[in-house]
Amino acid sequence: TYTRFIKFLQDEINLSQDSIAMAQ
């Protein structure tokens, strides 16, 4: 579920990997 959530953030919300990493 977490992996799918990260993919959703990248694909549907268009967040960069850097933004996701900071939030993580």
mmCIF file of all heavy atoms, coordinates in Angstrom:
data_MODEL
# 
_entry.id   MODEL 
# 
loop_
_atom_site.group_PDB 
_atom_site.id 
_atom_site.type_symbol 
_atom_site.label_atom_id 
_atom_site.label_alt_id 
_atom_site.label_comp_id 
_atom_site.label_asym_id 
_atom_site.label_entity_id 
_atom_site.label_seq_id 
_atom_site.pdbx_PDB_ins_code 
_atom_site.Cartn_x 
_atom_site.Cartn_y 
_atom_site.Cartn_z 
_atom_site.occupancy 
_atom_site.B_iso_or_equiv 
_atom_site.pdbx_formal_charge 
_atom_site.auth_seq_id 
_atom_site.auth_comp_id 
_atom_site.auth_asym_id 
_atom_site.auth_atom_id 
_atom_site.pdbx_PDB_model_num 
ATOM 1   N N   . THR A 1 1  ? 0.829  -1.201 0.000   1.00 0.00 ? 1  THR A N   1 
ATOM 2   C CA  . THR A 1 1  ? 0.000  0.000  0.000   1.00 0.00 ? 1  THR A CA  1 
ATOM 3   C C   . THR A 1 1  ? 0.864  1.251  0.000   1.00 0.00 ? 1  THR A C   1 
ATOM 4   O O   . THR A 1 1  ? 0.586  2.214  -0.726  1.00 0.00 ? 1  THR A O   1 
ATOM 5   C CB  . THR A 1 1  ? -0.949 0.011  1.213   1.00 0.00 ? 1  THR A CB  1 
ATOM 6   O OG1 . THR A 1 1  ? -1.775 -1.149 1.151   1.00 0.00 ? 1  THR A OG1 1 
ATOM 7   C CG2 . THR A 1 1  ? -1.805 1.255  1.241   1.00 0.00 ? 1  THR A CG2 1 
ATOM 8   N N   . TYR A 1 2  ? 1.930  1.251  0.784   1.00 0.00 ? 2  TYR A N   1 
ATOM 9   C CA  . TYR A 1 2  ? 2.821  2.413  0.840   1.00 0.00 ? 2  TYR A CA  1 
ATOM 10  C C   . TYR A 1 2  ? 3.487  2.628  -0.518  1.00 0.00 ? 2  TYR A C   1 
ATOM 11  O O   . TYR A 1 2  ? 3.558  3.764  -1.007  1.00 0.00 ? 2  TYR A O   1 
ATOM 12  C CB  . TYR A 1 2  ? 3.872  2.217  1.930   1.00 0.00 ? 2  TYR A CB  1 
ATOM 13  C CG  . TYR A 1 2  ? 4.721  3.440  2.133   1.00 0.00 ? 2  TYR A CG  1 
ATOM 14  C CD1 . TYR A 1 2  ? 4.222  4.537  2.816   1.00 0.00 ? 2  TYR A CD1 1 
ATOM 15  C CD2 . TYR A 1 2  ? 6.004  3.515  1.627   1.00 0.00 ? 2  TYR A CD2 1 
ATOM 16  C CE1 . TYR A 1 2  ? 4.990  5.687  2.995   1.00 0.00 ? 2  TYR A CE1 1 
ATOM 17  C CE2 . TYR A 1 2  ? 6.779  4.648  1.800   1.00 0.00 ? 2  TYR A CE2 1 
ATOM 18  C CZ  . TYR A 1 2  ? 6.266  5.722  2.486   1.00 0.00 ? 2  TYR A CZ  1 
ATOM 19  O OH  . TYR A 1 2  ? 7.017  6.845  2.649   1.00 0.00 ? 2  TYR A OH  1 
ATOM 20  N N   . THR A 1 3  ? 3.935  1.560  -1.143  1.00 0.00 ? 3  THR A N   1 
ATOM 21  C CA  . THR A 1 3  ? 4.564  1.661  -2.452  1.00 0.00 ? 3  THR A CA  1 
ATOM 22  C C   . THR A 1 3  ? 3.577  2.209  -3.481  1.00 0.00 ? 3  THR A C   1 
ATOM 23  O O   . THR A 1 3  ? 3.926  3.080  -4.281  1.00 0.00 ? 3  THR A O   1 
ATOM 24  C CB  . THR A 1 3  ? 5.091  0.284  -2.897  1.00 0.00 ? 3  THR A CB  1 
ATOM 25  O OG1 . THR A 1 3  ? 6.028  -0.185 -1.915  1.00 0.00 ? 3  THR A OG1 1 
ATOM 26  C CG2 . THR A 1 3  ? 5.788  0.357  -4.235  1.00 0.00 ? 3  THR A CG2 1 
ATOM 27  N N   . ARG A 1 4  ? 2.336  1.739  -3.444  1.00 0.00 ? 4  ARG A N   1 
ATOM 28  C CA  . ARG A 1 4  ? 1.302  2.246  -4.352  1.00 0.00 ? 4  ARG A CA  1 
ATOM 29  C C   . ARG A 1 4  ? 1.011  3.712  -4.070  1.00 0.00 ? 4  ARG A C   1 
ATOM 30  O O   . ARG A 1 4  ? 0.761  4.491  -4.994  1.00 0.00 ? 4  ARG A O   1 
ATOM 31  C CB  . ARG A 1 4  ? 0.026  1.409  -4.222  1.00 0.00 ? 4  ARG A CB  1 
ATOM 32  C CG  . ARG A 1 4  ? 0.154  0.031  -4.841  1.00 0.00 ? 4  ARG A CG  1 
ATOM 33  C CD  . ARG A 1 4  ? -1.124 -0.812 -4.717  1.00 0.00 ? 4  ARG A CD  1 
ATOM 34  N NE  . ARG A 1 4  ? -2.302 -0.053 -5.053  1.00 0.00 ? 4  ARG A NE  1 
ATOM 35  C CZ  . ARG A 1 4  ? -3.433 -0.064 -4.338  1.00 0.00 ? 4  ARG A CZ  1 
ATOM 36  N NH1 . ARG A 1 4  ? -3.533 -0.802 -3.259  1.00 0.00 ? 4  ARG A NH1 1 
ATOM 37  N NH2 . ARG A 1 4  ? -4.465 0.654  -4.711  1.00 0.00 ? 4  ARG A NH2 1 
ATOM 38  N N   . PHE A 1 5  ? 1.021  4.101  -2.789  1.00 0.00 ? 5  PHE A N   1 
ATOM 39  C CA  . PHE A 1 5  ? 0.779  5.491  -2.415  1.00 0.00 ? 5  PHE A CA  1 
ATOM 40  C C   . PHE A 1 5  ? 1.867  6.406  -2.992  1.00 0.00 ? 5  PHE A C   1 
ATOM 41  O O   . PHE A 1 5  ? 1.569  7.464  -3.550  1.00 0.00 ? 5  PHE A O   1 
ATOM 42  C CB  . PHE A 1 5  ? 0.716  5.613  -0.895  1.00 0.00 ? 5  PHE A CB  1 
ATOM 43  C CG  . PHE A 1 5  ? 0.485  7.010  -0.398  1.00 0.00 ? 5  PHE A CG  1 
ATOM 44  C CD1 . PHE A 1 5  ? -0.652 7.715  -0.746  1.00 0.00 ? 5  PHE A CD1 1 
ATOM 45  C CD2 . PHE A 1 5  ? 1.398  7.624  0.438   1.00 0.00 ? 5  PHE A CD2 1 
ATOM 46  C CE1 . PHE A 1 5  ? -0.871 9.003  -0.290  1.00 0.00 ? 5  PHE A CE1 1 
ATOM 47  C CE2 . PHE A 1 5  ? 1.194  8.909  0.910   1.00 0.00 ? 5  PHE A CE2 1 
ATOM 48  C CZ  . PHE A 1 5  ? 0.051  9.599  0.535   1.00 0.00 ? 5  PHE A CZ  1 
ATOM 49  N N   . ILE A 1 6  ? 3.111  5.999  -2.891  1.00 0.00 ? 6  ILE A N   1 
ATOM 50  C CA  . ILE A 1 6  ? 4.225  6.796  -3.436  1.00 0.00 ? 6  ILE A CA  1 
ATOM 51  C C   . ILE A 1 6  ? 4.074  6.922  -4.953  1.00 0.00 ? 6  ILE A C   1 
ATOM 52  O O   . ILE A 1 6  ? 4.254  8.008  -5.518  1.00 0.00 ? 6  ILE A O   1 
ATOM 53  C CB  . ILE A 1 6  ? 5.589  6.174  -3.054  1.00 0.00 ? 6  ILE A CB  1 
ATOM 54  C CG1 . ILE A 1 6  ? 5.771  6.166  -1.537  1.00 0.00 ? 6  ILE A CG1 1 
ATOM 55  C CG2 . ILE A 1 6  ? 6.732  6.908  -3.751  1.00 0.00 ? 6  ILE A CG2 1 
ATOM 56  C CD1 . ILE A 1 6  ? 5.657  7.528  -0.878  1.00 0.00 ? 6  ILE A CD1 1 
ATOM 57  N N   . LYS A 1 7  ? 3.713  5.833  -5.619  1.00 0.00 ? 7  LYS A N   1 
ATOM 58  C CA  . LYS A 1 7  ? 3.497  5.878  -7.074  1.00 0.00 ? 7  LYS A CA  1 
ATOM 59  C C   . LYS A 1 7  ? 2.348  6.829  -7.414  1.00 0.00 ? 7  LYS A C   1 
ATOM 60  O O   . LYS A 1 7  ? 2.439  7.597  -8.379  1.00 0.00 ? 7  LYS A O   1 
ATOM 61  C CB  . LYS A 1 7  ? 3.224  4.485  -7.617  1.00 0.00 ? 7  LYS A CB  1 
ATOM 62  C CG  . LYS A 1 7  ? 3.061  4.441  -9.112  1.00 0.00 ? 7  LYS A CG  1 
ATOM 63  C CD  . LYS A 1 7  ? 3.215  3.051  -9.648  1.00 0.00 ? 7  LYS A CD  1 
ATOM 64  C CE  . LYS A 1 7  ? 2.979  2.965  -11.148 1.00 0.00 ? 7  LYS A CE  1 
ATOM 65  N NZ  . LYS A 1 7  ? 3.647  3.940  -11.958 1.00 0.00 ? 7  LYS A NZ  1 
ATOM 66  N N   . PHE A 1 8  ? 1.275  6.811  -6.620  1.00 0.00 ? 8  PHE A N   1 
ATOM 67  C CA  . PHE A 1 8  ? 0.158  7.728  -6.818  1.00 0.00 ? 8  PHE A CA  1 
ATOM 68  C C   . PHE A 1 8  ? 0.622  9.179  -6.684  1.00 0.00 ? 8  PHE A C   1 
ATOM 69  O O   . PHE A 1 8  ? 0.272  10.028 -7.505  1.00 0.00 ? 8  PHE A O   1 
ATOM 70  C CB  . PHE A 1 8  ? -0.947 7.419  -5.796  1.00 0.00 ? 8  PHE A CB  1 
ATOM 71  C CG  . PHE A 1 8  ? -2.003 8.478  -5.704  1.00 0.00 ? 8  PHE A CG  1 
ATOM 72  C CD1 . PHE A 1 8  ? -2.996 8.576  -6.661  1.00 0.00 ? 8  PHE A CD1 1 
ATOM 73  C CD2 . PHE A 1 8  ? -2.001 9.387  -4.654  1.00 0.00 ? 8  PHE A CD2 1 
ATOM 74  C CE1 . PHE A 1 8  ? -3.970 9.564  -6.577  1.00 0.00 ? 8  PHE A CE1 1 
ATOM 75  C CE2 . PHE A 1 8  ? -2.970 10.361 -4.553  1.00 0.00 ? 8  PHE A CE2 1 
ATOM 76  C CZ  . PHE A 1 8  ? -3.956 10.459 -5.530  1.00 0.00 ? 8  PHE A CZ  1 
ATOM 77  N N   . LEU A 1 9  ? 1.414  9.469  -5.658  1.00 0.00 ? 9  LEU A N   1 
ATOM 78  C CA  . LEU A 1 9  ? 1.915  10.840 -5.468  1.00 0.00 ? 9  LEU A CA  1 
ATOM 79  C C   . LEU A 1 9  ? 2.741  11.291 -6.667  1.00 0.00 ? 9  LEU A C   1 
ATOM 80  O O   . LEU A 1 9  ? 2.653  12.446 -7.088  1.00 0.00 ? 9  LEU A O   1 
ATOM 81  C CB  . LEU A 1 9  ? 2.744  10.930 -4.185  1.00 0.00 ? 9  LEU A CB  1 
ATOM 82  C CG  . LEU A 1 9  ? 1.984  10.778 -2.875  1.00 0.00 ? 9  LEU A CG  1 
ATOM 83  C CD1 . LEU A 1 9  ? 2.964  10.781 -1.708  1.00 0.00 ? 9  LEU A CD1 1 
ATOM 84  C CD2 . LEU A 1 9  ? 0.934  11.866 -2.706  1.00 0.00 ? 9  LEU A CD2 1 
ATOM 85  N N   . GLN A 1 10 ? 3.531  10.381 -7.228  1.00 0.00 ? 10 GLN A N   1 
ATOM 86  C CA  . GLN A 1 10 ? 4.361  10.735 -8.374  1.00 0.00 ? 10 GLN A CA  1 
ATOM 87  C C   . GLN A 1 10 ? 3.529  10.881 -9.647  1.00 0.00 ? 10 GLN A C   1 
ATOM 88  O O   . GLN A 1 10 ? 3.690  11.855 -10.381 1.00 0.00 ? 10 GLN A O   1 
ATOM 89  C CB  . GLN A 1 10 ? 5.442  9.674  -8.596  1.00 0.00 ? 10 GLN A CB  1 
ATOM 90  C CG  . GLN A 1 10 ? 6.468  9.627  -7.506  1.00 0.00 ? 10 GLN A CG  1 
ATOM 91  C CD  . GLN A 1 10 ? 7.400  8.433  -7.629  1.00 0.00 ? 10 GLN A CD  1 
ATOM 92  O OE1 . GLN A 1 10 ? 7.009  7.358  -8.065  1.00 0.00 ? 10 GLN A OE1 1 
ATOM 93  N NE2 . GLN A 1 10 ? 8.641  8.633  -7.212  1.00 0.00 ? 10 GLN A NE2 1 
ATOM 94  N N   . ASP A 1 11 ? 2.638  9.919  -9.892  1.00 0.00 ? 11 ASP A N   1 
ATOM 95  C CA  . ASP A 1 11 ? 1.916  9.875  -11.165 1.00 0.00 ? 11 ASP A CA  1 
ATOM 96  C C   . ASP A 1 11 ? 0.697  10.789 -11.207 1.00 0.00 ? 11 ASP A C   1 
ATOM 97  O O   . ASP A 1 11 ? 0.455  11.446 -12.220 1.00 0.00 ? 11 ASP A O   1 
ATOM 98  C CB  . ASP A 1 11 ? 1.467  8.441  -11.472 1.00 0.00 ? 11 ASP A CB  1 
ATOM 99  C CG  . ASP A 1 11 ? 2.644  7.496  -11.676 1.00 0.00 ? 11 ASP A CG  1 
ATOM 100 O OD1 . ASP A 1 11 ? 3.786  7.977  -11.831 1.00 0.00 ? 11 ASP A OD1 1 
ATOM 101 O OD2 . ASP A 1 11 ? 2.419  6.272  -11.668 1.00 0.00 ? 11 ASP A OD2 1 
ATOM 102 N N   . GLU A 1 12 ? -0.074 10.817 -10.146 1.00 0.00 ? 12 GLU A N   1 
ATOM 103 C CA  . GLU A 1 12 ? -1.338 11.561 -10.166 1.00 0.00 ? 12 GLU A CA  1 
ATOM 104 C C   . GLU A 1 12 ? -1.220 12.971 -9.576  1.00 0.00 ? 12 GLU A C   1 
ATOM 105 O O   . GLU A 1 12 ? -1.910 13.883 -10.015 1.00 0.00 ? 12 GLU A O   1 
ATOM 106 C CB  . GLU A 1 12 ? -2.413 10.791 -9.399  1.00 0.00 ? 12 GLU A CB  1 
ATOM 107 C CG  . GLU A 1 12 ? -2.715 9.423  -9.979  1.00 0.00 ? 12 GLU A CG  1 
ATOM 108 C CD  . GLU A 1 12 ? -3.326 9.491  -11.370 1.00 0.00 ? 12 GLU A CD  1 
ATOM 109 O OE1 . GLU A 1 12 ? -4.111 10.422 -11.636 1.00 0.00 ? 12 GLU A OE1 1 
ATOM 110 O OE2 . GLU A 1 12 ? -3.005 8.613  -12.197 1.00 0.00 ? 12 GLU A OE2 1 
ATOM 111 N N   . ILE A 1 13 ? -0.393 13.140 -8.566  1.00 0.00 ? 13 ILE A N   1 
ATOM 112 C CA  . ILE A 1 13 ? -0.223 14.451 -7.926  1.00 0.00 ? 13 ILE A CA  1 
ATOM 113 C C   . ILE A 1 13 ? 0.986  15.184 -8.500  1.00 0.00 ? 13 ILE A C   1 
ATOM 114 O O   . ILE A 1 13 ? 1.158  16.370 -8.303  1.00 0.00 ? 13 ILE A O   1 
ATOM 115 C CB  . ILE A 1 13 ? -0.112 14.281 -6.382  1.00 0.00 ? 13 ILE A CB  1 
ATOM 116 C CG1 . ILE A 1 13 ? -1.324 13.501 -5.834  1.00 0.00 ? 13 ILE A CG1 1 
ATOM 117 C CG2 . ILE A 1 13 ? 0.010  15.617 -5.675  1.00 0.00 ? 13 ILE A CG2 1 
ATOM 118 C CD1 . ILE A 1 13 ? -2.665 14.185 -6.039  1.00 0.00 ? 13 ILE A CD1 1 
ATOM 119 N N   . ASN A 1 14 ? 1.824  14.463 -9.231  1.00 0.00 ? 14 ASN A N   1 
ATOM 120 C CA  . ASN A 1 14 ? 3.014  15.021 -9.888  1.00 0.00 ? 14 ASN A CA  1 
ATOM 121 C C   . ASN A 1 14 ? 4.035  15.591 -8.914  1.00 0.00 ? 14 ASN A C   1 
ATOM 122 O O   . ASN A 1 14 ? 4.635  16.642 -9.168  1.00 0.00 ? 14 ASN A O   1 
ATOM 123 C CB  . ASN A 1 14 ? 2.619  16.075 -10.927 1.00 0.00 ? 14 ASN A CB  1 
ATOM 124 C CG  . ASN A 1 14 ? 1.792  15.501 -12.046 1.00 0.00 ? 14 ASN A CG  1 
ATOM 125 O OD1 . ASN A 1 14 ? 2.090  14.416 -12.543 1.00 0.00 ? 14 ASN A OD1 1 
ATOM 126 N ND2 . ASN A 1 14 ? 0.751  16.197 -12.424 1.00 0.00 ? 14 ASN A ND2 1 
ATOM 127 N N   . LEU A 1 15 ? 4.227  14.888 -7.792  1.00 0.00 ? 15 LEU A N   1 
ATOM 128 C CA  . LEU A 1 15 ? 5.254  15.319 -6.841  1.00 0.00 ? 15 LEU A CA  1 
ATOM 129 C C   . LEU A 1 15 ? 6.604  14.751 -7.263  1.00 0.00 ? 15 LEU A C   1 
ATOM 130 O O   . LEU A 1 15 ? 6.701  13.617 -7.741  1.00 0.00 ? 15 LEU A O   1 
ATOM 131 C CB  . LEU A 1 15 ? 4.925  14.823 -5.437  1.00 0.00 ? 15 LEU A CB  1 
ATOM 132 C CG  . LEU A 1 15 ? 3.808  15.553 -4.714  1.00 0.00 ? 15 LEU A CG  1 
ATOM 133 C CD1 . LEU A 1 15 ? 3.557  14.916 -3.365  1.00 0.00 ? 15 LEU A CD1 1 
ATOM 134 C CD2 . LEU A 1 15 ? 4.143  17.018 -4.537  1.00 0.00 ? 15 LEU A CD2 1 
ATOM 135 N N   . SER A 1 16 ? 7.638  15.529 -7.061  1.00 0.00 ? 16 SER A N   1 
ATOM 136 C CA  . SER A 1 16 ? 8.984  15.060 -7.381  1.00 0.00 ? 16 SER A CA  1 
ATOM 137 C C   . SER A 1 16 ? 9.462  14.069 -6.324  1.00 0.00 ? 16 SER A C   1 
ATOM 138 O O   . SER A 1 16 ? 8.961  14.047 -5.195  1.00 0.00 ? 16 SER A O   1 
ATOM 139 C CB  . SER A 1 16 ? 9.951  16.242 -7.444  1.00 0.00 ? 16 SER A CB  1 
ATOM 140 O OG  . SER A 1 16 ? 10.157 16.767 -6.140  1.00 0.00 ? 16 SER A OG  1 
ATOM 141 N N   . GLN A 1 17 ? 10.447 13.289 -6.687  1.00 0.00 ? 17 GLN A N   1 
ATOM 142 C CA  . GLN A 1 17 ? 11.035 12.334 -5.749  1.00 0.00 ? 17 GLN A CA  1 
ATOM 143 C C   . GLN A 1 17 ? 11.651 13.070 -4.561  1.00 0.00 ? 17 GLN A C   1 
ATOM 144 O O   . GLN A 1 17 ? 11.583 12.595 -3.429  1.00 0.00 ? 17 GLN A O   1 
ATOM 145 C CB  . GLN A 1 17 ? 12.081 11.464 -6.446  1.00 0.00 ? 17 GLN A CB  1 
ATOM 146 C CG  . GLN A 1 17 ? 12.660 10.377 -5.577  1.00 0.00 ? 17 GLN A CG  1 
ATOM 147 C CD  . GLN A 1 17 ? 11.602 9.398  -5.087  1.00 0.00 ? 17 GLN A CD  1 
ATOM 148 O OE1 . GLN A 1 17 ? 10.686 9.029  -5.815  1.00 0.00 ? 17 GLN A OE1 1 
ATOM 149 N NE2 . GLN A 1 17 ? 11.718 8.961  -3.846  1.00 0.00 ? 17 GLN A NE2 1 
ATOM 150 N N   . ASP A 1 18 ? 12.224 14.250 -4.806  1.00 0.00 ? 18 ASP A N   1 
ATOM 151 C CA  . ASP A 1 18 ? 12.811 15.031 -3.715  1.00 0.00 ? 18 ASP A CA  1 
ATOM 152 C C   . ASP A 1 18 ? 11.752 15.486 -2.714  1.00 0.00 ? 18 ASP A C   1 
ATOM 153 O O   . ASP A 1 18 ? 11.980 15.442 -1.506  1.00 0.00 ? 18 ASP A O   1 
ATOM 154 C CB  . ASP A 1 18 ? 13.550 16.255 -4.266  1.00 0.00 ? 18 ASP A CB  1 
ATOM 155 C CG  . ASP A 1 18 ? 14.826 15.894 -5.007  1.00 0.00 ? 18 ASP A CG  1 
ATOM 156 O OD1 . ASP A 1 18 ? 15.358 14.783 -4.779  1.00 0.00 ? 18 ASP A OD1 1 
ATOM 157 O OD2 . ASP A 1 18 ? 15.285 16.713 -5.810  1.00 0.00 ? 18 ASP A OD2 1 
ATOM 158 N N   . SER A 1 19 ? 10.597 15.919 -3.205  1.00 0.00 ? 19 SER A N   1 
ATOM 159 C CA  . SER A 1 19 ? 9.516  16.336 -2.318  1.00 0.00 ? 19 SER A CA  1 
ATOM 160 C C   . SER A 1 19 ? 9.010  15.165 -1.486  1.00 0.00 ? 19 SER A C   1 
ATOM 161 O O   . SER A 1 19 ? 8.780  15.294 -0.282  1.00 0.00 ? 19 SER A O   1 
ATOM 162 C CB  . SER A 1 19 ? 8.353  16.917 -3.129  1.00 0.00 ? 19 SER A CB  1 
ATOM 163 O OG  . SER A 1 19 ? 8.750  18.090 -3.781  1.00 0.00 ? 19 SER A OG  1 
ATOM 164 N N   . ILE A 1 20 ? 8.865  14.032 -2.122  1.00 0.00 ? 20 ILE A N   1 
ATOM 165 C CA  . ILE A 1 20 ? 8.400  12.835 -1.416  1.00 0.00 ? 20 ILE A CA  1 
ATOM 166 C C   . ILE A 1 20 ? 9.427  12.406 -0.383  1.00 0.00 ? 20 ILE A C   1 
ATOM 167 O O   . ILE A 1 20 ? 9.079  12.067 0.752   1.00 0.00 ? 20 ILE A O   1 
ATOM 168 C CB  . ILE A 1 20 ? 8.096  11.703 -2.409  1.00 0.00 ? 20 ILE A CB  1 
ATOM 169 C CG1 . ILE A 1 20 ? 6.893  12.108 -3.295  1.00 0.00 ? 20 ILE A CG1 1 
ATOM 170 C CG2 . ILE A 1 20 ? 7.821  10.393 -1.693  1.00 0.00 ? 20 ILE A CG2 1 
ATOM 171 C CD1 . ILE A 1 20 ? 6.654  11.201 -4.477  1.00 0.00 ? 20 ILE A CD1 1 
ATOM 172 N N   . ALA A 1 21 ? 10.698 12.448 -0.738  1.00 0.00 ? 21 ALA A N   1 
ATOM 173 C CA  . ALA A 1 21 ? 11.756 12.052 0.197   1.00 0.00 ? 21 ALA A CA  1 
ATOM 174 C C   . ALA A 1 21 ? 11.776 12.961 1.422   1.00 0.00 ? 21 ALA A C   1 
ATOM 175 O O   . ALA A 1 21 ? 11.958 12.480 2.548   1.00 0.00 ? 21 ALA A O   1 
ATOM 176 C CB  . ALA A 1 21 ? 13.112 12.070 -0.506  1.00 0.00 ? 21 ALA A CB  1 
ATOM 177 N N   . MET A 1 22 ? 11.574 14.261 1.214   1.00 0.00 ? 22 MET A N   1 
ATOM 178 C CA  . MET A 1 22 ? 11.555 15.180 2.348   1.00 0.00 ? 22 MET A CA  1 
ATOM 179 C C   . MET A 1 22 ? 10.395 14.847 3.280   1.00 0.00 ? 22 MET A C   1 
ATOM 180 O O   . MET A 1 22 ? 10.553 14.800 4.497   1.00 0.00 ? 22 MET A O   1 
ATOM 181 C CB  . MET A 1 22 ? 11.433 16.624 1.877   1.00 0.00 ? 22 MET A CB  1 
ATOM 182 C CG  . MET A 1 22 ? 11.536 17.598 3.020   1.00 0.00 ? 22 MET A CG  1 
ATOM 183 S SD  . MET A 1 22 ? 10.779 19.192 2.735   1.00 0.00 ? 22 MET A SD  1 
ATOM 184 C CE  . MET A 1 22 ? 9.147  18.782 2.231   1.00 0.00 ? 22 MET A CE  1 
ATOM 185 N N   . ALA A 1 23 ? 9.233  14.589 2.711   1.00 0.00 ? 23 ALA A N   1 
ATOM 186 C CA  . ALA A 1 23 ? 8.072  14.238 3.526   1.00 0.00 ? 23 ALA A CA  1 
ATOM 187 C C   . ALA A 1 23 ? 8.292  12.910 4.233   1.00 0.00 ? 23 ALA A C   1 
ATOM 188 O O   . ALA A 1 23 ? 7.916  12.746 5.396   1.00 0.00 ? 23 ALA A O   1 
ATOM 189 C CB  . ALA A 1 23 ? 6.822  14.187 2.659   1.00 0.00 ? 23 ALA A CB  1 
ATOM 190 N N   . GLN A 1 24 ? 8.922  11.955 3.561   1.00 0.00 ? 24 GLN A N   1 
ATOM 191 C CA  . GLN A 1 24 ? 9.185  10.646 4.162   1.00 0.00 ? 24 GLN A CA  1 
ATOM 192 C C   . GLN A 1 24 ? 10.065 10.767 5.397   1.00 0.00 ? 24 GLN A C   1 
ATOM 193 O O   . GLN A 1 24 ? 9.855  10.067 6.383   1.00 0.00 ? 24 GLN A O   1 
ATOM 194 C CB  . GLN A 1 24 ? 9.850  9.707  3.150   1.00 0.00 ? 24 GLN A CB  1 
ATOM 195 C CG  . GLN A 1 24 ? 8.888  9.158  2.142   1.00 0.00 ? 24 GLN A CG  1 
ATOM 196 C CD  . GLN A 1 24 ? 9.576  8.324  1.081   1.00 0.00 ? 24 GLN A CD  1 
ATOM 197 O OE1 . GLN A 1 24 ? 10.672 8.657  0.629   1.00 0.00 ? 24 GLN A OE1 1 
ATOM 198 N NE2 . GLN A 1 24 ? 8.934  7.260  0.684   1.00 0.00 ? 24 GLN A NE2 1 
# 
